[in-house]
Amino acid sequence: MENLWIGGDRVAPASGQYTALIDPATGQEWARVAAGNAADIDQAVQVAHQVKADWRRVNSRDRTQMLNRLALLIRDHLDSLATLESRNTGKPIREAREEVNLAADCFEYYAGAINKVGGQTIPVAAAGTSFTWREPVGVCGLIAPWNFPIAITAWKVAPALAMGNTVVLKPASQTPLTALRLAELAIAAGIPAGVLNVVPGSGSEAGEALVKHPLVRKVSFTGSTTIGTHVMQLAAEDIKRVTLELGGKSANLIFADADLDKAVLKAMWSVLGNAGQDCCARSRVLVERPIYAEFVERLTAAFQTLKIGQPLDEATEIGCLISAQHRDRVAEYIQLGQTEGATLVWGGGRPVSDELATGAYLVPAIFADVHPEMRIAQAEIFGPVVCVLPFETEAAAIAIANNSVYGLSGSIWTQDISRALRVARAIETGVLSINTGHSVHLEAPFGGVKRSGLGRELGLAVLEHYSELKSVFIAE
C-alpha cells in the first residue's frame, strides 16, 4: 500500500481510503495508493507553508547542488522508475526510459538556471537607483496528468524548486507511483523535508482542495480543457497565478514538395507516440492534393508494420491505452468517424492475440476522406487515431489548420523555406516544427493558444511563472 508523502515521510490518508491501481496491460489490480482528500491537502499545504521561508533562504549554490544530486539519483534509478512508469501507464518500456531521462535532464537544466536568473537595474527619471528582485511566489500547487507522469511532474517541480518555492504535487489518480518515488529521492538528494509534498487523490476532491487552498499562491495544471476551465475559475477566487497546459488537435501540413520518406514516418510517430495519448499529437494530417493518395497508401503500409505488444517487451512499439474505459471511448470515436462518412483505411479494432486479450489495447486507426467539420476532425480523441485531409492551396491548408478551438502544436513539411516561414506565421498555435515532428524541447518555451492553455512551461520563460518581480527604488 502506497501512502501520501508529506513533510518528508509517508503518511496514511486521513480518510483511511485507498484506491486500486489497475495494470492496463492485464486489467488486473497490481497496487493500492492512498486516496488523499481535502484534509490531507490542507496538512501538506500547511507543511509547505511552514518551511517556505527557510527554503527561500537556501543560497543558490546549495540549491543548485541539491537539484543536480536529484538528477543523478533519478539516473541511478532509471530502470526501476521506467519499469514503474511502464506498468502504471501501459507505455512501452523504451518510451518510459526516455521520459525518466527527460526528468533527470529537467532537474539538471533548472539547477543550472538558478544562479543565472535575476533582476536588473533600471534608469529612471528620478535621482536614485531603481532595481528589481525575483522572489519566490510561495506554495505552488502542481497538478500532473496521467499520460507523461514523471516527465511532466519534473517540468513543473524543477523550476518551482529552482526559484525557491515549496510544492504540493497532486499526481493523476491513475499514475501516482513515480511521483511518490521522486519525493523520496528528493530527500536523499538533500532537499529539506516539507519542500516537496505529494498527495494522490481524485481531481474533484484533492485537486479542487489544492486549487482553492488560501495558502497556495500558484497553480500549474496539465490536463483536459474542460477541467482546466474549472481550475481557472476556482483559482480566480483568490487571484492565484495560473498556468494551464490543456488539450490539442494539432495539424500536420504536408506539401507536395516534402520529403515523403521522412514525412510519412514522422507523421506516424507524431500521432502514435504514447498510443496517441498526447496533447501534442498531430492527429490531423493535411496533405496537398497531388500527393494525397500516395501519402495515404504509404502511411497505411507504415502502420501495418507496427509491433503492438506488452509494455515491458523491448520489441514493443505500441503499448496499451491507460484503461479499458478510455480505449472504449476512443473506439466510440472510430465508430463515429465511419458514421460521419470518413473512410476507415486501417485498424480501429482490438489486436487478435490471446496475449493481449485482457489489456486496453487498440490497433491504431487511419481515416481518409475526412472533412474539416467532422467531429473526428474537431474533437481531441486522445488515442491512436489519425485523420488525413486533402487540401488544394496554401491558403486552404492554413484555413483548415486554424479551424479548431485548440492551438497547441503542429508541423509543416516543405522544401520551400519561404513558404515554411509564411505558413508558420499564419497558423494559430503555440509550438510548431518544420520538417520534423519534434517540437517539445526542454530548453524552449512550451504551451498553447486559444483553448489549449495559458502561460508557458519549460525553457527559461517558465521561471517567470514561478517568481514575483519586485521593484525597489533608493533615493539619492
Protein backbone atom coordinates (compact mmCIF):
# COMPACT_ATOMS: atom_id res chain seq x y z
CA MET A 1 0.00 0.00 0.00
CA GLU A 2 1.38 3.37 -1.06
CA ASN A 3 0.82 6.26 1.37
CA LEU A 4 0.97 10.02 0.85
CA TRP A 5 4.24 11.94 1.11
CA ILE A 6 4.01 14.90 3.48
CA GLY A 7 6.78 16.60 5.42
CA GLY A 8 9.46 14.16 4.29
CA ASP A 9 7.70 10.95 5.27
CA ARG A 10 4.96 8.54 4.29
CA VAL A 11 1.62 9.48 5.81
CA ALA A 12 -1.60 7.47 5.88
CA PRO A 13 -4.61 9.23 4.33
CA ALA A 14 -6.98 11.00 6.73
CA SER A 15 -9.93 9.00 5.37
CA GLY A 16 -8.16 5.65 5.59
CA GLN A 17 -9.22 5.04 1.98
CA TYR A 18 -7.01 3.55 -0.73
CA THR A 19 -7.55 3.36 -4.49
CA ALA A 20 -6.80 0.30 -6.59
CA LEU A 21 -4.36 0.82 -9.45
CA ILE A 22 -5.14 -1.32 -12.48
CA ASP A 23 -2.38 -2.55 -14.76
CA PRO A 24 -3.78 -1.51 -18.18
CA ALA A 25 -1.86 -4.30 -19.90
CA THR A 26 -3.63 -7.02 -17.91
CA GLY A 27 -6.75 -5.41 -16.46
CA GLN A 28 -5.69 -6.64 -13.01
CA GLU A 29 -5.12 -4.72 -9.78
CA TRP A 30 -1.41 -4.51 -9.01
CA ALA A 31 -1.11 -1.79 -6.35
CA ARG A 32 -3.13 0.34 -3.95
CA VAL A 33 -2.48 4.01 -3.28
CA ALA A 34 -3.77 6.40 -0.64
CA ALA A 35 -6.77 8.46 -1.69
CA GLY A 36 -5.94 11.94 -0.42
CA ASN A 37 -8.73 14.35 0.42
CA ALA A 38 -9.11 17.98 1.47
CA ALA A 39 -7.76 17.27 4.97
CA ASP A 40 -4.61 15.72 3.51
CA ILE A 41 -4.16 18.63 1.12
CA ASP A 42 -4.51 21.07 4.00
CA GLN A 43 -1.87 19.19 6.00
CA ALA A 44 0.54 19.20 3.05
CA VAL A 45 -0.02 22.88 2.27
CA GLN A 46 0.46 23.85 5.92
CA VAL A 47 3.77 21.97 5.98
CA ALA A 48 4.91 23.57 2.72
CA HIS A 49 3.92 26.99 4.07
CA GLN A 50 5.86 26.44 7.30
CA VAL A 51 9.14 25.63 5.53
CA LYS A 52 8.90 28.13 2.67
CA ALA A 53 10.87 30.88 4.47
CA ASP A 54 13.75 28.50 5.23
CA TRP A 55 13.81 27.11 1.68
CA ARG A 56 13.89 30.54 0.03
CA ARG A 57 16.93 31.42 2.19
CA VAL A 58 18.94 28.45 0.91
CA ASN A 59 21.66 30.03 -1.22
CA SER A 60 21.80 29.50 -4.96
CA ARG A 61 24.87 27.24 -4.88
CA ASP A 62 23.34 24.84 -2.34
CA ARG A 63 20.02 24.73 -4.20
CA THR A 64 21.88 24.03 -7.44
CA GLN A 65 23.76 21.14 -5.85
CA MET A 66 20.56 19.62 -4.42
CA LEU A 67 18.78 19.64 -7.79
CA ASN A 68 21.84 18.20 -9.51
CA ARG A 69 22.02 15.41 -6.91
CA LEU A 70 18.35 14.66 -7.53
CA ALA A 71 19.05 14.39 -11.26
CA LEU A 72 21.85 11.91 -10.56
CA LEU A 73 19.62 9.84 -8.29
CA ILE A 74 16.94 9.70 -10.97
CA ARG A 75 19.51 8.35 -13.41
CA ASP A 76 20.77 5.87 -10.80
CA HIS A 77 17.20 4.53 -10.52
CA LEU A 78 16.45 4.68 -14.25
CA ASP A 79 15.43 1.07 -14.70
CA SER A 80 13.21 0.83 -11.62
CA LEU A 81 11.50 4.14 -12.36
CA ALA A 82 10.96 3.23 -16.02
CA THR A 83 9.51 -0.15 -15.09
CA LEU A 84 7.18 1.50 -12.59
CA GLU A 85 6.09 4.04 -15.21
CA SER A 86 5.59 1.41 -17.91
CA ARG A 87 3.44 -0.82 -15.70
CA ASN A 88 1.44 2.11 -14.38
CA THR A 89 0.67 3.67 -17.78
CA GLY A 90 0.93 0.81 -20.28
CA LYS A 91 3.53 2.63 -22.40
CA PRO A 92 6.45 0.74 -23.96
CA ILE A 93 9.45 0.42 -21.69
CA ARG A 94 11.63 2.20 -24.26
CA GLU A 95 9.41 5.29 -24.09
CA ALA A 96 9.35 5.11 -20.31
CA ARG A 97 13.17 5.15 -20.15
CA GLU A 98 13.29 8.22 -22.39
CA GLU A 99 10.85 10.02 -20.12
CA VAL A 100 12.76 9.18 -16.95
CA ASN A 101 15.91 10.53 -18.60
CA LEU A 102 13.98 13.66 -19.56
CA ALA A 103 13.01 14.12 -15.91
CA ALA A 104 16.68 13.95 -14.91
CA ASP A 105 17.58 16.38 -17.69
CA CYS A 106 14.91 18.74 -16.39
CA PHE A 107 16.36 18.93 -12.88
CA GLU A 108 19.85 19.43 -14.32
CA TYR A 109 18.66 22.24 -16.58
CA TYR A 110 16.91 24.20 -13.84
CA ALA A 111 19.75 23.55 -11.41
CA GLY A 112 21.95 25.35 -13.91
CA ALA A 113 19.49 28.23 -14.23
CA ILE A 114 19.29 29.05 -10.51
CA ASN A 115 22.22 31.46 -10.38
CA LYS A 116 21.67 32.88 -13.85
CA VAL A 117 18.21 34.39 -13.46
CA GLY A 118 17.77 37.59 -11.50
CA GLY A 119 16.69 41.20 -11.62
CA GLN A 120 18.15 44.29 -13.25
CA THR A 121 19.00 47.91 -12.60
CA ILE A 122 16.77 50.39 -14.42
CA PRO A 123 17.46 54.01 -15.40
CA VAL A 124 14.52 56.07 -14.11
CA ALA A 125 13.62 59.75 -14.31
CA ALA A 126 14.48 60.44 -10.69
CA ALA A 127 17.57 60.92 -8.56
CA GLY A 128 18.40 57.49 -7.27
CA THR A 129 18.70 53.84 -8.23
CA SER A 130 15.88 51.56 -9.34
CA PHE A 131 16.34 47.81 -9.42
CA THR A 132 14.31 44.59 -9.38
CA TRP A 133 14.44 41.32 -7.48
CA ARG A 134 12.95 37.99 -8.46
CA GLU A 135 11.34 36.41 -5.42
CA PRO A 136 9.59 33.05 -4.91
CA VAL A 137 5.82 33.01 -5.24
CA GLY A 138 5.39 30.78 -2.17
CA VAL A 139 3.49 27.50 -2.03
CA CYS A 140 2.83 26.09 -5.52
CA GLY A 141 0.01 23.64 -6.21
CA LEU A 142 1.04 21.42 -9.13
CA ILE A 143 -1.36 19.03 -10.84
CA ALA A 144 0.20 16.50 -13.22
CA PRO A 145 -1.55 14.29 -15.83
CA TRP A 146 -1.52 10.55 -16.38
CA ASN A 147 -0.08 10.43 -19.90
CA PHE A 148 3.53 11.52 -19.12
CA PRO A 149 3.61 11.30 -15.32
CA ILE A 150 7.28 11.61 -14.38
CA ALA A 151 8.28 13.88 -17.26
CA ILE A 152 5.57 16.49 -16.71
CA THR A 153 5.97 16.24 -12.93
CA ALA A 154 9.64 17.11 -13.39
CA TRP A 155 9.00 20.07 -15.65
CA LYS A 156 6.66 21.52 -13.02
CA VAL A 157 8.58 20.66 -9.85
CA ALA A 158 12.10 21.53 -11.06
CA PRO A 159 11.50 25.20 -11.96
CA ALA A 160 9.29 25.70 -8.90
CA LEU A 161 12.04 24.49 -6.57
CA ALA A 162 14.75 26.28 -8.53
CA MET A 163 13.07 29.62 -7.87
CA GLY A 164 12.80 28.91 -4.14
CA ASN A 165 9.15 27.83 -3.92
CA THR A 166 7.73 24.94 -1.94
CA VAL A 167 5.44 22.43 -3.62
CA VAL A 168 2.34 20.33 -3.07
CA LEU A 169 2.01 17.99 -6.02
CA LYS A 170 -1.17 16.13 -6.91
CA PRO A 171 -0.35 13.44 -9.45
CA ALA A 172 -3.10 11.86 -11.54
CA SER A 173 -5.01 9.29 -9.52
CA GLN A 174 -4.21 6.58 -12.10
CA THR A 175 -0.44 7.18 -12.17
CA PRO A 176 0.96 8.44 -8.83
CA LEU A 177 3.78 5.97 -8.23
CA THR A 178 6.77 7.67 -9.84
CA ALA A 179 5.81 10.99 -8.22
CA LEU A 180 5.91 9.37 -4.79
CA ARG A 181 9.26 7.79 -5.58
CA LEU A 182 10.58 11.14 -6.80
CA ALA A 183 9.71 12.72 -3.44
CA GLU A 184 11.71 10.05 -1.63
CA LEU A 185 14.69 10.68 -3.92
CA ALA A 186 14.41 14.42 -3.25
CA ILE A 187 15.03 13.78 0.46
CA ALA A 188 18.02 11.60 -0.41
CA ALA A 189 19.33 14.48 -2.54
CA GLY A 190 19.28 16.78 0.49
CA ILE A 191 16.15 18.76 -0.33
CA PRO A 192 14.64 19.59 3.09
CA ALA A 193 11.54 17.79 4.34
CA GLY A 194 8.33 19.63 3.50
CA VAL A 195 9.69 21.37 0.41
CA LEU A 196 8.17 18.72 -1.90
CA ASN A 197 4.93 17.01 -0.82
CA VAL A 198 2.88 14.53 -2.87
CA VAL A 199 -0.83 13.92 -2.29
CA PRO A 200 -2.51 11.49 -4.72
CA GLY A 201 -6.27 11.69 -4.89
CA SER A 202 -9.19 12.48 -7.14
CA GLY A 203 -9.34 15.75 -9.01
CA SER A 204 -12.79 16.52 -7.68
CA GLU A 205 -11.64 16.30 -4.07
CA ALA A 206 -7.85 16.60 -3.66
CA GLY A 207 -7.41 18.64 -6.83
CA GLU A 208 -10.13 21.16 -6.01
CA ALA A 209 -8.91 21.49 -2.43
CA LEU A 210 -5.40 22.25 -3.67
CA VAL A 211 -6.53 24.90 -6.15
CA LYS A 212 -8.83 26.56 -3.61
CA HIS A 213 -6.46 26.49 -0.63
CA PRO A 214 -5.81 30.08 0.50
CA LEU A 215 -2.10 29.46 1.17
CA VAL A 216 -1.44 28.23 -2.38
CA ARG A 217 -0.27 31.18 -4.48
CA LYS A 218 0.48 29.46 -7.79
CA VAL A 219 -1.34 26.67 -9.66
CA SER A 220 0.06 24.75 -12.62
CA PHE A 221 -2.33 22.29 -14.26
CA THR A 222 -1.91 19.93 -17.19
CA GLY A 223 -5.00 18.10 -18.38
CA SER A 224 -8.20 18.48 -20.33
CA THR A 225 -9.60 21.84 -21.42
CA THR A 226 -12.84 21.16 -19.57
CA ILE A 227 -11.09 20.63 -16.22
CA GLY A 228 -8.63 23.43 -16.96
CA THR A 229 -11.51 25.86 -17.33
CA HIS A 230 -12.79 24.80 -13.92
CA VAL A 231 -9.31 25.18 -12.39
CA MET A 232 -9.08 28.71 -13.76
CA GLN A 233 -12.47 29.61 -12.29
CA LEU A 234 -11.53 28.27 -8.86
CA ALA A 235 -8.13 29.99 -8.89
CA ALA A 236 -9.74 33.31 -9.82
CA GLU A 237 -11.48 33.49 -6.44
CA ASP A 238 -8.09 34.05 -4.77
CA ILE A 239 -6.34 35.77 -7.72
CA LYS A 240 -3.84 32.92 -7.90
CA ARG A 241 -1.23 32.73 -10.63
CA VAL A 242 -2.29 30.02 -13.09
CA THR A 243 -0.52 28.07 -15.83
CA LEU A 244 -2.73 25.79 -17.92
CA GLU A 245 -1.46 23.26 -20.46
CA LEU A 246 -4.61 21.78 -21.96
CA GLY A 247 -5.96 19.91 -24.97
CA GLY A 248 -4.92 19.91 -28.59
CA LYS A 249 -5.93 18.85 -32.08
CA SER A 250 -2.74 19.72 -33.88
CA ALA A 251 -2.34 19.88 -37.64
CA ASN A 252 0.48 18.35 -39.67
CA LEU A 253 0.71 20.17 -43.03
CA ILE A 254 2.43 18.19 -45.78
CA PHE A 255 3.05 19.97 -49.07
CA ALA A 256 3.72 18.23 -52.36
CA ASP A 257 7.44 19.08 -52.31
CA ALA A 258 8.01 17.45 -48.91
CA ASP A 259 10.48 14.61 -48.37
CA LEU A 260 7.82 11.89 -48.23
CA ASP A 261 10.09 9.22 -46.78
CA LYS A 262 10.65 11.36 -43.69
CA ALA A 263 7.19 12.92 -43.64
CA VAL A 264 5.35 9.58 -43.59
CA LEU A 265 7.45 8.14 -40.78
CA LYS A 266 7.30 11.31 -38.67
CA ALA A 267 3.59 11.76 -39.33
CA MET A 268 3.00 8.27 -37.97
CA TRP A 269 5.02 8.77 -34.80
CA SER A 270 3.79 12.30 -34.19
CA VAL A 271 0.34 10.82 -33.61
CA LEU A 272 1.18 7.34 -32.27
CA GLY A 273 3.71 8.21 -29.57
CA ASN A 274 2.30 7.04 -26.22
CA ALA A 275 -0.51 5.35 -28.19
CA GLY A 276 -1.83 8.76 -29.24
CA GLN A 277 -2.40 9.87 -25.65
CA ASP A 278 -0.56 13.12 -26.19
CA CYS A 279 -1.97 16.65 -26.27
CA CYS A 280 0.66 17.49 -28.94
CA ALA A 281 -0.39 14.64 -31.24
CA ARG A 282 -0.63 15.79 -34.86
CA SER A 283 -3.87 13.88 -35.31
CA ARG A 284 -4.99 15.99 -38.29
CA VAL A 285 -2.70 15.32 -41.25
CA LEU A 286 -3.34 17.81 -44.05
CA VAL A 287 -1.88 16.64 -47.37
CA GLU A 288 -1.66 18.58 -50.63
CA ARG A 289 -3.95 17.00 -53.23
CA PRO A 290 -1.28 15.86 -55.81
CA ILE A 291 0.34 13.52 -53.25
CA TYR A 292 -2.74 12.69 -51.16
CA ALA A 293 -3.40 9.15 -52.48
CA GLU A 294 0.27 8.18 -52.34
CA PHE A 295 0.62 9.53 -48.81
CA VAL A 296 -2.39 7.58 -47.52
CA GLU A 297 -1.07 4.41 -49.15
CA ARG A 298 2.42 4.84 -47.67
CA LEU A 299 1.10 5.79 -44.22
CA THR A 300 -1.11 2.70 -44.21
CA ALA A 301 1.85 0.50 -45.11
CA ALA A 302 3.84 2.02 -42.24
CA PHE A 303 1.00 1.41 -39.76
CA GLN A 304 0.84 -2.22 -40.81
CA THR A 305 4.44 -2.83 -39.67
CA LEU A 306 3.89 -1.67 -36.09
CA LYS A 307 4.63 -4.05 -33.23
CA ILE A 308 1.77 -3.93 -30.69
CA GLY A 309 2.71 -5.76 -27.53
CA GLN A 310 3.25 -5.96 -23.80
CA PRO A 311 4.68 -2.72 -22.37
CA LEU A 312 7.72 -4.40 -20.78
CA ASP A 313 8.68 -6.18 -24.02
CA GLU A 314 11.73 -4.40 -25.52
CA ALA A 315 10.36 -5.01 -29.02
CA THR A 316 7.02 -3.30 -28.37
CA GLU A 317 6.37 -0.10 -30.31
CA ILE A 318 2.72 0.46 -29.36
CA GLY A 319 1.57 -0.40 -25.86
CA CYS A 320 -1.93 -0.19 -24.44
CA LEU A 321 -4.09 2.76 -23.50
CA ILE A 322 -4.40 3.96 -19.92
CA SER A 323 -7.56 1.93 -19.23
CA ALA A 324 -10.23 -0.20 -20.83
CA GLN A 325 -12.70 2.63 -20.30
CA HIS A 326 -10.52 5.05 -22.22
CA ARG A 327 -9.98 2.50 -25.01
CA ASP A 328 -13.75 2.12 -25.34
CA ARG A 329 -14.13 5.92 -25.54
CA VAL A 330 -11.60 6.06 -28.38
CA ALA A 331 -13.38 3.15 -30.10
CA GLU A 332 -16.61 5.18 -29.98
CA TYR A 333 -14.90 7.93 -31.97
CA ILE A 334 -13.76 5.35 -34.53
CA GLN A 335 -17.34 4.23 -34.93
CA LEU A 336 -18.46 7.86 -35.16
CA GLY A 337 -15.97 8.57 -37.94
CA GLN A 338 -17.46 5.80 -40.04
CA THR A 339 -20.96 7.06 -39.33
CA GLU A 340 -19.90 10.54 -40.44
CA GLY A 341 -18.76 9.16 -43.79
CA ALA A 342 -14.98 9.05 -43.38
CA THR A 343 -13.17 6.00 -44.77
CA LEU A 344 -11.53 3.75 -42.18
CA VAL A 345 -8.46 2.71 -44.16
CA TRP A 346 -6.76 0.69 -41.45
CA GLY A 347 -7.11 -0.50 -37.86
CA GLY A 348 -9.58 0.56 -35.21
CA GLY A 349 -10.22 -2.82 -33.62
CA ARG A 350 -8.58 -4.83 -30.88
CA PRO A 351 -5.46 -6.90 -31.65
CA VAL A 352 -6.13 -10.53 -32.50
CA SER A 353 -3.89 -12.03 -29.83
CA ASP A 354 -4.61 -14.12 -26.76
CA GLU A 355 -1.63 -12.49 -25.05
CA LEU A 356 -3.22 -9.03 -25.39
CA ALA A 357 -6.84 -10.03 -24.88
CA THR A 358 -7.26 -8.69 -21.34
CA GLY A 359 -5.38 -5.40 -21.83
CA ALA A 360 -6.55 -1.98 -23.01
CA TYR A 361 -5.12 -2.42 -26.50
CA LEU A 362 -6.31 -0.86 -29.74
CA VAL A 363 -4.95 -1.19 -33.26
CA PRO A 364 -4.01 2.31 -34.50
CA ALA A 365 -6.55 3.66 -36.98
CA ILE A 366 -6.27 5.75 -40.16
CA PHE A 367 -9.21 7.73 -41.54
CA ALA A 368 -9.15 9.12 -45.09
CA ASP A 369 -11.76 11.25 -46.90
CA VAL A 370 -12.17 13.33 -43.75
CA HIS A 371 -13.87 16.74 -43.95
CA PRO A 372 -12.73 19.54 -41.62
CA GLU A 373 -16.14 19.87 -39.94
CA MET A 374 -16.44 16.20 -38.96
CA ARG A 375 -16.33 15.61 -35.21
CA ILE A 376 -13.37 13.26 -35.59
CA ALA A 377 -11.51 16.21 -37.16
CA GLN A 378 -12.51 18.59 -34.35
CA ALA A 379 -12.54 16.56 -31.11
CA GLU A 380 -9.45 15.62 -29.15
CA ILE A 381 -9.76 11.83 -29.39
CA PHE A 382 -6.60 11.24 -27.32
CA GLY A 383 -5.87 7.87 -28.83
CA PRO A 384 -4.10 6.23 -31.80
CA VAL A 385 -6.37 7.72 -34.47
CA VAL A 386 -5.24 9.89 -37.37
CA CYS A 387 -7.44 11.84 -39.79
CA VAL A 388 -5.95 12.54 -43.23
CA LEU A 389 -7.47 15.54 -45.01
CA PRO A 390 -6.64 16.81 -48.52
CA PHE A 391 -6.07 20.48 -49.35
CA GLU A 392 -5.76 22.33 -52.66
CA THR A 393 -3.87 25.54 -51.84
CA GLU A 394 -1.63 27.02 -49.17
CA ALA A 395 -4.43 29.33 -48.09
CA ALA A 396 -6.81 26.39 -47.78
CA ALA A 397 -4.30 24.46 -45.68
CA ILE A 398 -3.93 27.38 -43.26
CA ALA A 399 -7.70 27.77 -43.02
CA ILE A 400 -8.20 24.08 -42.21
CA ALA A 401 -5.37 24.10 -39.67
CA ASN A 402 -6.86 27.12 -37.90
CA ASN A 403 -10.38 25.68 -37.95
CA SER A 404 -10.07 24.41 -34.38
CA VAL A 405 -10.75 25.65 -30.87
CA TYR A 406 -7.28 24.36 -29.99
CA GLY A 407 -3.81 25.72 -30.75
CA LEU A 408 -1.07 23.71 -29.08
CA SER A 409 1.34 22.23 -31.59
CA GLY A 410 1.81 21.28 -35.24
CA SER A 411 4.22 20.62 -38.08
CA ILE A 412 4.91 21.89 -41.60
CA TRP A 413 6.61 19.80 -44.28
CA THR A 414 8.03 21.59 -47.33
CA GLN A 415 11.38 22.26 -49.02
CA ASP A 416 10.36 25.88 -49.66
CA ILE A 417 11.72 27.85 -46.68
CA SER A 418 9.77 30.99 -47.61
CA ARG A 419 6.52 29.03 -47.58
CA ALA A 420 7.52 27.31 -44.33
CA LEU A 421 8.03 30.64 -42.57
CA ARG A 422 4.92 32.18 -44.14
CA VAL A 423 2.71 29.31 -43.06
CA ALA A 424 4.32 29.15 -39.60
CA ARG A 425 3.39 32.79 -39.02
CA ALA A 426 -0.18 32.18 -40.16
CA ILE A 427 -1.01 29.11 -38.08
CA GLU A 428 -2.62 29.82 -34.69
CA THR A 429 -0.65 27.62 -32.35
CA GLY A 430 1.86 27.89 -29.55
CA VAL A 431 4.50 25.47 -30.84
CA LEU A 432 5.47 24.49 -34.38
CA SER A 433 8.12 22.34 -36.03
CA ILE A 434 9.29 22.43 -39.65
CA ASN A 435 10.28 19.21 -41.42
CA THR A 436 10.12 17.24 -38.17
CA GLY A 437 7.54 16.04 -35.69
CA HIS A 438 9.63 17.12 -32.70
CA SER A 439 8.51 20.36 -31.07
CA VAL A 440 8.87 19.87 -27.30
CA HIS A 441 12.32 20.90 -26.13
CA LEU A 442 13.37 21.27 -22.52
CA GLU A 443 15.24 24.47 -23.33
CA ALA A 444 12.39 26.21 -25.22
CA PRO A 445 9.02 27.53 -24.00
CA PHE A 446 6.06 25.20 -24.49
CA GLY A 447 2.36 25.99 -24.33
CA GLY A 448 -0.74 26.76 -26.33
CA VAL A 449 -3.11 29.44 -27.52
CA LYS A 450 -6.91 29.53 -27.72
CA ARG A 451 -8.42 26.66 -25.67
CA SER A 452 -5.07 24.87 -25.46
CA GLY A 453 -3.95 26.83 -22.46
CA LEU A 454 -2.43 29.81 -20.74
CA GLY A 455 1.21 30.54 -19.91
CA ARG A 456 4.29 28.53 -20.78
CA GLU A 457 6.15 25.53 -19.43
CA LEU A 458 9.84 24.71 -19.99
CA GLY A 459 12.73 26.92 -21.05
CA LEU A 460 13.69 29.96 -19.05
CA ALA A 461 10.28 31.50 -19.74
CA VAL A 462 8.64 29.25 -17.15
CA LEU A 463 10.70 30.82 -14.36
CA GLU A 464 8.66 34.00 -14.70
CA HIS A 465 5.59 31.99 -13.71
CA TYR A 466 7.30 30.76 -10.54
CA SER A 467 8.57 34.13 -9.34
CA GLU A 468 7.36 37.59 -8.41
CA LEU A 469 9.17 40.64 -9.75
CA LYS A 470 9.69 43.20 -7.00
CA SER A 471 10.72 46.75 -7.91
CA VAL A 472 12.84 48.76 -5.43
CA PHE A 473 13.91 52.42 -5.62
CA ILE A 474 16.64 54.03 -3.49
CA ALA A 475 16.66 57.84 -3.48
CA GLU A 476 19.98 59.68 -3.56
